[in-house]
């Protein structure tokens, strides 16, 4: 069962958190307060996070399997259509969702590109190993979960070529100091510049922690 909370009124907007976060992260940073003024906002916990923490089978941590957390939420809510915004890991699940689910109207990605992690295989393997070492050192299960997520992400082929990109339906928000920026710029500037919003002087973490950099543009995108 996917744990979730709902706020506000209007069309549904589902928010998918990043790695090492949980559904409350959206509340604590102020996203929910602003977004619930124009949408019914639903926040939930991905597998291995928040109320779903614990020892998790690696097979449940692939990108398609994590997308099922969103599918379960949609079913529980009984909604026919919705918008989705995800940060980092949550955005990757959103890309997979958008490539398959016809109920999704608008997709917003914070700090993540739609390409395959294979494009950054060395970095993902390094992060997976680093998380495993932290797990071995601290004995904390969540680090092993994060290690598995990095490893399993490498099996995902990406959604760049699967999504039918439209200016009014898809938006990628990325800080220019984000480690993902160069690859995202390369992918999106080929054909989809209008779907790419660059945040000057902003890094990956602050793209999420400081909504003021993009919230007005995001609300405008949702209402257009």
Foldseek 3Di string as FASTA:
>chain_A
DKDKDKAADDAEEEEAEDAPAAQCLCVVLCVCVLCNPHHTYMGTGFQCDDVNNDADDLVCQALQNSLVSVVVVCVVVVDQAHEYEYEHSRLQNVLVCQLPPPRYFAYEYAQDAQAQCLVVLVVLQVQLVVLVVVCVVPVDNSSPVSSSNSVNSNVDGGRLPRHPDDLLHAAYEYECQEPCNVVRCVSCVVPHPSRYHYQYPDYRVCSSNPVVSCVVVVVVSVVD
